PDB file of N, CA and C in Angstrom:
ATOM      1  N   UNK A   1      -2.747  13.597 -20.576  1.00  0.00           N
ATOM      2  CA  UNK A   1      -3.523  14.482 -19.763  1.00  0.00           C
ATOM      3  C   UNK A   1      -2.747  14.114 -18.010  1.00  0.00           C
ATOM      4  N   UNK A   2      -2.377  14.363 -16.893  1.00  0.00           N
ATOM      5  CA  UNK A   2      -1.602  14.390 -15.947  1.00  0.00           C
ATOM      6  C   UNK A   2      -2.751  13.572 -15.209  1.00  0.00           C
ATOM      7  N   UNK A   3      -1.954  12.784 -14.443  1.00  0.00           N
ATOM      8  CA  UNK A   3      -2.688  12.274 -13.334  1.00  0.00           C
ATOM      9  C   UNK A   3      -2.645  12.414 -11.488  1.00  0.00           C
ATOM     10  N   UNK A   4      -3.184  11.996 -10.714  1.00  0.00           N
ATOM     11  CA  UNK A   4      -3.236  12.423  -9.296  1.00  0.00           C
ATOM     12  C   UNK A   4      -1.867  12.253  -8.903  1.00  0.00           C
ATOM     13  N   UNK A   5      -1.065  11.466  -9.184  1.00  0.00           N
ATOM     14  CA  UNK A   5       0.600  11.186  -9.132  1.00  0.00           C
ATOM     15  C   UNK A   5       1.837  11.857 -10.000  1.00  0.00           C
ATOM     16  N   UNK A   6       1.218  12.476 -10.949  1.00  0.00           N
ATOM     17  CA  UNK A   6       2.376  13.195 -11.341  1.00  0.00           C
ATOM     18  C   UNK A   6       2.636  14.515  -9.861  1.00  0.00           C
ATOM     19  N   UNK A   7       1.909  15.035  -9.645  1.00  0.00           N
ATOM     20  CA  UNK A   7       2.657  15.576  -8.692  1.00  0.00           C
ATOM     21  C   UNK A   7       3.081  15.342  -7.459  1.00  0.00           C
ATOM     22  N   UNK A   8       3.357  13.815  -7.090  1.00  0.00           N
ATOM     23  CA  UNK A   8       3.953  13.147  -6.106  1.00  0.00           C
ATOM     24  C   UNK A   8       2.503  12.729  -4.912  1.00  0.00           C
ATOM     25  N   UNK A   9       1.521  12.817  -5.619  1.00  0.00           N
ATOM     26  CA  UNK A   9      -0.106  11.881  -4.838  1.00  0.00           C
ATOM     27  C   UNK A   9       0.315  12.343  -3.648  1.00  0.00           C
ATOM     28  N   UNK A  10      -0.310  13.417  -2.802  1.00  0.00           N
ATOM     29  CA  UNK A  10       0.293  14.020  -2.088  1.00  0.00           C
ATOM     30  C   UNK A  10      -1.697  14.619  -1.916  1.00  0.00           C
ATOM     31  N   UNK A  11      -1.622  14.974  -2.670  1.00  0.00           N
ATOM     32  CA  UNK A  11      -3.593  15.705  -2.628  1.00  0.00           C
ATOM     33  C   UNK A  11      -4.314  14.170  -2.448  1.00  0.00           C
ATOM     34  N   UNK A  12      -4.299  12.933  -3.501  1.00  0.00           N
ATOM     35  CA  UNK A  12      -4.164  11.548  -3.625  1.00  0.00           C
ATOM     36  C   UNK A  12      -4.342  11.538  -1.886  1.00  0.00           C
ATOM     37  N   UNK A  13      -3.436  11.325  -0.993  1.00  0.00           N
ATOM     38  CA  UNK A  13      -3.183  10.667  -0.247  1.00  0.00           C
ATOM     39  C   UNK A  13      -4.157  10.936   0.802  1.00  0.00           C
ATOM     40  N   UNK A  14      -4.272  12.992   1.195  1.00  0.00           N
ATOM     41  CA  UNK A  14      -4.597  13.371   2.185  1.00  0.00           C
ATOM     42  C   UNK A  14      -6.498  12.990   2.102  1.00  0.00           C
ATOM     43  N   UNK A  15      -7.059  13.266   0.606  1.00  0.00           N
ATOM     44  CA  UNK A  15      -8.211  13.131   0.208  1.00  0.00           C
ATOM     45  C   UNK A  15      -8.974  11.465   0.090  1.00  0.00           C
ATOM     46  N   UNK A  16      -7.928  11.225  -0.129  1.00  0.00           N
ATOM     47  CA  UNK A  16      -8.892   9.667  -0.185  1.00  0.00           C
ATOM     48  C   UNK A  16      -9.074   8.650   1.256  1.00  0.00           C
ATOM     49  N   UNK A  17     -10.292   8.298   1.457  1.00  0.00           N
ATOM     50  CA  UNK A  17     -10.462   7.789   2.763  1.00  0.00           C
ATOM     51  C   UNK A  17      -9.686   6.161   2.988  1.00  0.00           C
ATOM     52  N   UNK A  18      -9.058   5.729   4.276  1.00  0.00           N
ATOM     53  CA  UNK A  18      -8.409   4.815   4.252  1.00  0.00           C
ATOM     54  C   UNK A  18      -9.422   3.340   3.572  1.00  0.00           C
ATOM     55  N   UNK A  19      -8.429   2.236   3.522  1.00  0.00           N
ATOM     56  CA  UNK A  19      -8.784   0.871   3.013  1.00  0.00           C
ATOM     57  C   UNK A  19      -9.796   0.384   4.783  1.00  0.00           C
ATOM     58  N   UNK A  20     -10.503  -0.291   4.293  1.00  0.00           N
ATOM     59  CA  UNK A  20     -10.992  -0.899   5.939  1.00  0.00           C
ATOM     60  C   UNK A  20     -10.020  -2.038   6.330  1.00  0.00           C
ATOM     61  N   UNK A  21      -9.704  -1.949   7.718  1.00  0.00           N
ATOM     62  CA  UNK A  21      -8.665  -3.296   8.070  1.00  0.00           C
ATOM     63  C   UNK A  21      -9.355  -4.720   8.346  1.00  0.00           C
ATOM     64  N   UNK A  22     -10.601  -4.762   7.511  1.00  0.00           N
ATOM     65  CA  UNK A  22     -11.080  -5.525   7.713  1.00  0.00           C
ATOM     66  C   UNK A  22     -10.676  -6.309   5.849  1.00  0.00           C
ATOM     67  N   UNK A  23     -10.599  -5.793   5.484  1.00  0.00           N
ATOM     68  CA  UNK A  23     -10.490  -6.035   3.132  1.00  0.00           C
ATOM     69  C   UNK A  23      -9.494  -6.805   3.590  1.00  0.00           C
ATOM     70  N   UNK A  24      -7.814  -6.221   4.302  1.00  0.00           N
ATOM     71  CA  UNK A  24      -7.193  -6.955   4.366  1.00  0.00           C
ATOM     72  C   UNK A  24      -6.918  -7.884   4.920  1.00  0.00           C
ATOM     73  N   UNK A  25      -7.832  -8.588   5.952  1.00  0.00           N
ATOM     74  CA  UNK A  25      -7.945  -9.432   7.334  1.00  0.00           C
ATOM     75  C   UNK A  25      -8.769 -10.573   6.173  1.00  0.00           C
ATOM     76  N   UNK A  26      -9.511 -10.218   5.945  1.00  0.00           N
ATOM     77  CA  UNK A  26     -10.172 -11.282   4.732  1.00  0.00           C
ATOM     78  C   UNK A  26      -9.478 -11.920   3.442  1.00  0.00           C
ATOM     79  N   UNK A  27      -9.163 -11.099   3.072  1.00  0.00           N
ATOM     80  CA  UNK A  27      -8.167 -11.120   1.536  1.00  0.00           C
ATOM     81  C   UNK A  27      -6.480 -12.649   2.442  1.00  0.00           C
ATOM     82  N   UNK A  28      -6.053 -11.864   4.111  1.00  0.00           N
ATOM     83  CA  UNK A  28      -5.080 -12.733   4.848  1.00  0.00           C
ATOM     84  C   UNK A  28      -5.860 -14.467   4.825  1.00  0.00           C
ATOM     85  N   UNK A  29      -7.266 -13.739   5.660  1.00  0.00           N
ATOM     86  CA  UNK A  29      -7.955 -15.572   5.732  1.00  0.00           C
ATOM     87  C   UNK A  29      -7.808 -16.215   4.269  1.00  0.00           C
ATOM     88  N   UNK A  30      -7.924 -15.633   3.364  1.00  0.00           N
ATOM     89  CA  UNK A  30      -8.888 -16.417   2.134  1.00  0.00           C
ATOM     90  C   UNK A  30      -6.425 -16.726   1.111  1.00  0.00           C
ATOM     91  N   UNK A  31      -6.069 -16.393   1.902  1.00  0.00           N
ATOM     92  CA  UNK A  31      -4.701 -17.152   1.218  1.00  0.00           C
ATOM     93  C   UNK A  31      -4.537 -17.886   2.092  1.00  0.00           C
ATOM     94  N   UNK A  32      -3.379 -18.940   1.111  1.00  0.00           N
ATOM     95  CA  UNK A  32      -2.968 -20.230   1.493  1.00  0.00           C
ATOM     96  C   UNK A  32      -2.072 -20.327   2.980  1.00  0.00           C
ATOM     97  N   UNK A  33      -1.139 -19.004   2.878  1.00  0.00           N
ATOM     98  CA  UNK A  33       0.062 -18.676   4.050  1.00  0.00           C
ATOM     99  C   UNK A  33      -0.251 -17.044   3.579  1.00  0.00           C
ATOM    100  N   UNK A  34       0.523 -16.441   4.639  1.00  0.00           N
ATOM    101  CA  UNK A  34       0.645 -15.299   5.246  1.00  0.00           C
ATOM    102  C   UNK A  34       1.900 -14.518   5.052  1.00  0.00           C
ATOM    103  N   UNK A  35       3.109 -15.437   4.310  1.00  0.00           N
ATOM    104  CA  UNK A  35       4.301 -14.935   4.035  1.00  0.00           C
ATOM    105  C   UNK A  35       4.402 -13.573   3.590  1.00  0.00           C
ATOM    106  N   UNK A  36       4.114 -13.462   1.873  1.00  0.00           N
ATOM    107  CA  UNK A  36       3.767 -12.069   1.112  1.00  0.00           C
ATOM    108  C   UNK A  36       2.836 -12.314   0.443  1.00  0.00           C
ATOM    109  N   UNK A  37       2.654 -10.649   0.439  1.00  0.00           N
ATOM    110  CA  UNK A  37       1.421 -10.015  -0.675  1.00  0.00           C
ATOM    111  C   UNK A  37       1.841  -9.051  -1.970  1.00  0.00           C
ATOM    112  N   UNK A  38       0.545  -9.518  -2.637  1.00  0.00           N
ATOM    113  CA  UNK A  38       1.952  -7.912  -3.480  1.00  0.00           C
ATOM    114  C   UNK A  38       0.427  -7.329  -3.671  1.00  0.00           C
ATOM    115  N   UNK A  39       0.878  -6.207  -3.918  1.00  0.00           N
ATOM    116  CA  UNK A  39      -0.517  -5.236  -4.152  1.00  0.00           C
ATOM    117  C   UNK A  39      -0.302  -4.257  -5.228  1.00  0.00           C
ATOM    118  N   UNK A  40      -0.859  -4.549  -6.246  1.00  0.00           N
ATOM    119  CA  UNK A  40      -0.534  -3.992  -7.673  1.00  0.00           C
ATOM    120  C   UNK A  40      -1.280  -2.762  -8.067  1.00  0.00           C
ATOM    121  N   UNK A  41      -0.467  -2.203  -8.534  1.00  0.00           N
ATOM    122  CA  UNK A  41      -0.875  -0.386  -8.589  1.00  0.00           C
ATOM    123  C   UNK A  41      -1.561  -0.165  -7.358  1.00  0.00           C
ATOM    124  N   UNK A  42      -0.595  -0.107  -6.486  1.00  0.00           N
ATOM    125  CA  UNK A  42      -0.318   0.320  -5.140  1.00  0.00           C
ATOM    126  C   UNK A  42      -0.557   1.695  -4.482  1.00  0.00           C
ATOM    127  N   UNK A  43       0.030   2.615  -5.399  1.00  0.00           N
ATOM    128  CA  UNK A  43      -0.600   4.096  -5.266  1.00  0.00           C
ATOM    129  C   UNK A  43       0.319   4.608  -4.548  1.00  0.00           C
ATOM    130  N   UNK A  44      -0.149   5.528  -3.087  1.00  0.00           N
ATOM    131  CA  UNK A  44       0.583   5.939  -2.240  1.00  0.00           C
ATOM    132  C   UNK A  44       0.915   5.026  -0.981  1.00  0.00           C
ATOM    133  N   UNK A  45       0.526   3.763  -1.631  1.00  0.00           N
ATOM    134  CA  UNK A  45       0.864   2.592  -0.255  1.00  0.00           C
ATOM    135  C   UNK A  45      -0.550   2.623   0.912  1.00  0.00           C
ATOM    136  N   UNK A  46      -1.974   3.024   0.924  1.00  0.00           N
ATOM    137  CA  UNK A  46      -2.725   3.178   1.437  1.00  0.00           C
ATOM    138  C   UNK A  46      -3.087   1.285   1.675  1.00  0.00           C
ATOM    139  N   UNK A  47      -3.271   0.686   1.000  1.00  0.00           N
ATOM    140  CA  UNK A  47      -3.802  -0.871   1.367  1.00  0.00           C
ATOM    141  C   UNK A  47      -2.242  -1.194   1.553  1.00  0.00           C
ATOM    142  N   UNK A  48      -1.406  -0.947   0.698  1.00  0.00           N
ATOM    143  CA  UNK A  48       0.015  -2.075   1.161  1.00  0.00           C
ATOM    144  C   UNK A  48       0.299  -2.134   2.447  1.00  0.00           C
ATOM    145  N   UNK A  49       0.139  -0.548   3.125  1.00  0.00           N
ATOM    146  CA  UNK A  49       0.005  -0.589   4.922  1.00  0.00           C
ATOM    147  C   UNK A  49      -0.630  -1.535   5.576  1.00  0.00           C
ATOM    148  N   UNK A  50      -1.958  -1.706   4.614  1.00  0.00           N
ATOM    149  CA  UNK A  50      -2.689  -2.544   5.635  1.00  0.00           C
ATOM    150  C   UNK A  50      -2.806  -3.534   5.045  1.00  0.00           C
ATOM    151  N   UNK A  51      -1.810  -4.121   4.598  1.00  0.00           N
ATOM    152  CA  UNK A  51      -1.834  -5.579   3.838  1.00  0.00           C
ATOM    153  C   UNK A  51      -0.592  -6.117   5.151  1.00  0.00           C
ATOM    154  N   UNK A  52       0.406  -5.054   5.260  1.00  0.00           N
ATOM    155  CA  UNK A  52       1.655  -4.993   5.286  1.00  0.00           C
ATOM    156  C   UNK A  52       1.030  -5.477   7.055  1.00  0.00           C
ATOM    157  N   UNK A  53       0.080  -5.650   7.873  1.00  0.00           N
ATOM    158  CA  UNK A  53      -0.564  -5.989   9.362  1.00  0.00           C
ATOM    159  C   UNK A  53      -0.800  -6.708   9.113  1.00  0.00           C
ATOM    160  N   UNK A  54      -0.815  -7.525   8.652  1.00  0.00           N
ATOM    161  CA  UNK A  54      -1.182  -9.223   8.328  1.00  0.00           C
ATOM    162  C   UNK A  54      -0.783 -10.352   7.446  1.00  0.00           C
ATOM    163  N   UNK A  55       0.365  -9.306   6.524  1.00  0.00           N
ATOM    164  CA  UNK A  55       1.085 -10.350   6.290  1.00  0.00           C
ATOM    165  C   UNK A  55       2.528 -10.298   6.377  1.00  0.00           C
ATOM    166  N   UNK A  56       3.527 -11.355   6.313  1.00  0.00           N
ATOM    167  CA  UNK A  56       4.546 -11.078   6.995  1.00  0.00           C
ATOM    168  C   UNK A  56       6.017 -10.248   5.620  1.00  0.00           C
ATOM    169  N   UNK A  57       5.106  -9.856   4.715  1.00  0.00           N
ATOM    170  CA  UNK A  57       5.588  -8.604   3.243  1.00  0.00           C
ATOM    171  C   UNK A  57       4.672  -8.790   2.759  1.00  0.00           C
ATOM    172  N   UNK A  58       5.043  -7.410   2.072  1.00  0.00           N
ATOM    173  CA  UNK A  58       4.292  -7.226   1.092  1.00  0.00           C
ATOM    174  C   UNK A  58       5.067  -6.505  -0.004  1.00  0.00           C
ATOM    175  N   UNK A  59       4.877  -6.375  -1.207  1.00  0.00           N
ATOM    176  CA  UNK A  59       5.708  -6.076  -2.580  1.00  0.00           C
ATOM    177  C   UNK A  59       4.352  -4.987  -3.103  1.00  0.00           C
ATOM    178  N   UNK A  60       4.548  -4.059  -3.328  1.00  0.00           N
ATOM    179  CA  UNK A  60       3.733  -2.774  -4.179  1.00  0.00           C
ATOM    180  C   UNK A  60       4.074  -2.069  -5.592  1.00  0.00           C
ATOM    181  N   UNK A  61       3.424  -2.529  -6.317  1.00  0.00           N
ATOM    182  CA  UNK A  61       4.074  -2.097  -7.769  1.00  0.00           C
ATOM    183  C   UNK A  61       3.003  -1.618  -8.222  1.00  0.00           C
ATOM    184  N   UNK A  62       3.460  -0.263  -8.414  1.00  0.00           N
ATOM    185  CA  UNK A  62       3.117   0.879  -9.358  1.00  0.00           C
ATOM    186  C   UNK A  62       3.564   1.320 -11.013  1.00  0.00           C
ATOM    187  N   UNK A  63       2.345   1.588 -11.542  1.00  0.00           N
ATOM    188  CA  UNK A  63       3.420   1.858 -13.215  1.00  0.00           C
ATOM    189  C   UNK A  63       4.178   3.807 -12.944  1.00  0.00           C
ATOM    190  N   UNK A  64       3.179   4.132 -12.466  1.00  0.00           N
ATOM    191  CA  UNK A  64       3.321   5.508 -11.694  1.00  0.00           C
ATOM    192  C   UNK A  64       4.504   5.070 -10.844  1.00  0.00           C
ATOM    193  N   UNK A  65       5.629   6.626 -11.591  1.00  0.00           N
ATOM    194  CA  UNK A  65       7.140   6.492 -10.725  1.00  0.00           C
ATOM    195  C   UNK A  65       7.048   7.108  -9.350  1.00  0.00           C
ATOM    196  N   UNK A  66       5.834   8.129  -9.140  1.00  0.00           N
ATOM    197  CA  UNK A  66       5.729   8.343  -8.047  1.00  0.00           C
ATOM    198  C   UNK A  66       5.219   8.010  -7.017  1.00  0.00           C
ATOM    199  N   UNK A  67       4.247   6.445  -7.411  1.00  0.00           N
ATOM    200  CA  UNK A  67       3.780   6.435  -6.146  1.00  0.00           C
ATOM    201  C   UNK A  67       5.042   5.720  -5.624  1.00  0.00           C
ATOM    202  N   UNK A  68       5.420   4.210  -5.660  1.00  0.00           N
ATOM    203  CA  UNK A  68       6.058   3.994  -5.086  1.00  0.00           C
ATOM    204  C   UNK A  68       6.702   4.062  -4.052  1.00  0.00           C
ATOM    205  N   UNK A  69       7.710   5.212  -4.321  1.00  0.00           N
ATOM    206  CA  UNK A  69       8.365   6.441  -3.255  1.00  0.00           C
ATOM    207  C   UNK A  69       7.761   6.521  -2.165  1.00  0.00           C
ATOM    208  N   UNK A  70       5.847   6.573  -2.240  1.00  0.00           N
ATOM    209  CA  UNK A  70       5.248   7.593  -1.468  1.00  0.00           C
ATOM    210  C   UNK A  70       4.691   6.597  -0.428  1.00  0.00           C
ATOM    211  N   UNK A  71       4.532   5.009  -1.677  1.00  0.00           N
ATOM    212  CA  UNK A  71       3.910   3.871  -0.990  1.00  0.00           C
ATOM    213  C   UNK A  71       5.407   3.739   0.151  1.00  0.00           C
ATOM    214  N   UNK A  72       6.386   3.257  -0.104  1.00  0.00           N
ATOM    215  CA  UNK A  72       7.509   3.104   0.787  1.00  0.00           C
ATOM    216  C   UNK A  72       7.724   4.127   1.694  1.00  0.00           C
ATOM    217  N   UNK A  73       7.606   5.418   1.564  1.00  0.00           N
ATOM    218  CA  UNK A  73       7.397   6.331   2.740  1.00  0.00           C
ATOM    219  C   UNK A  73       6.532   6.073   3.860  1.00  0.00           C
ATOM    220  N   UNK A  74       5.376   5.911   3.480  1.00  0.00           N
ATOM    221  CA  UNK A  74       4.023   5.407   4.582  1.00  0.00           C
ATOM    222  C   UNK A  74       4.252   3.977   4.768  1.00  0.00           C
ATOM    223  N   UNK A  75       4.340   3.189   4.692  1.00  0.00           N
ATOM    224  CA  UNK A  75       5.031   1.657   5.016  1.00  0.00           C
ATOM    225  C   UNK A  75       5.924   2.001   6.069  1.00  0.00           C
ATOM    226  N   UNK A  76       7.261   2.307   5.330  1.00  0.00           N
ATOM    227  CA  UNK A  76       8.425   2.654   6.443  1.00  0.00           C
ATOM    228  C   UNK A  76       7.895   3.494   7.697  1.00  0.00           C
ATOM    229  N   UNK A  77       7.369   4.934   7.890  1.00  0.00           N
ATOM    230  CA  UNK A  77       6.634   5.833   9.073  1.00  0.00           C
ATOM    231  C   UNK A  77       6.115   5.180   9.586  1.00  0.00           C
ATOM    232  N   UNK A  78       4.865   4.053   8.853  1.00  0.00           N
ATOM    233  CA  UNK A  78       3.627   4.234  10.357  1.00  0.00           C
ATOM    234  C   UNK A  78       4.037   2.294  10.591  1.00  0.00           C
ATOM    235  N   UNK A  79       4.869   1.754   9.651  1.00  0.00           N
ATOM    236  CA  UNK A  79       5.157   0.377  10.447  1.00  0.00           C
ATOM    237  C   UNK A  79       6.432  -0.543  10.769  1.00  0.00           C
ATOM    238  N   UNK A  80       6.942   0.709  11.485  1.00  0.00           N
ATOM    239  CA  UNK A  80       8.538   0.981  11.777  1.00  0.00           C
ATOM    240  C   UNK A  80       9.155  -0.833  10.482  1.00  0.00           C
ATOM    241  N   UNK A  81       8.828  -0.362   9.017  1.00  0.00           N
ATOM    242  CA  UNK A  81       9.188  -0.272   7.895  1.00  0.00           C
ATOM    243  C   UNK A  81       9.345  -2.085   7.770  1.00  0.00           C
ATOM    244  N   UNK A  82       8.229  -2.329   8.230  1.00  0.00           N
ATOM    245  CA  UNK A  82       7.998  -3.782   8.123  1.00  0.00           C
ATOM    246  C   UNK A  82       7.154  -4.656   7.482  1.00  0.00           C
ATOM    247  N   UNK A  83       7.779  -5.205   6.278  1.00  0.00           N
ATOM    248  CA  UNK A  83       7.172  -6.060   4.819  1.00  0.00           C
ATOM    249  C   UNK A  83       6.408  -5.026   3.820  1.00  0.00           C
ATOM    250  N   UNK A  84       7.070  -4.154   4.091  1.00  0.00           N
ATOM    251  CA  UNK A  84       6.424  -2.905   3.085  1.00  0.00           C
ATOM    252  C   UNK A  84       8.170  -2.255   2.203  1.00  0.00           C
TER     253      UNK A  84
END
């Protein structure tokens, strides 16, 4: 069975709503430090990008081959490459 990311995840990225900024801000508030965040199952990088706004660096991992490529592109384009 195919999943959204087998074709690169473009449709998923286009139709999936963004996460609220308050979620990343709350996680940053709870974190003992804001040096690094780990986004497990980063998908196309929507939440990775949000974490990049409040953490110094973000590591995004995903078991799907295409997903991290999309996350790197999204973070690099929209956050100047900072931390993603």
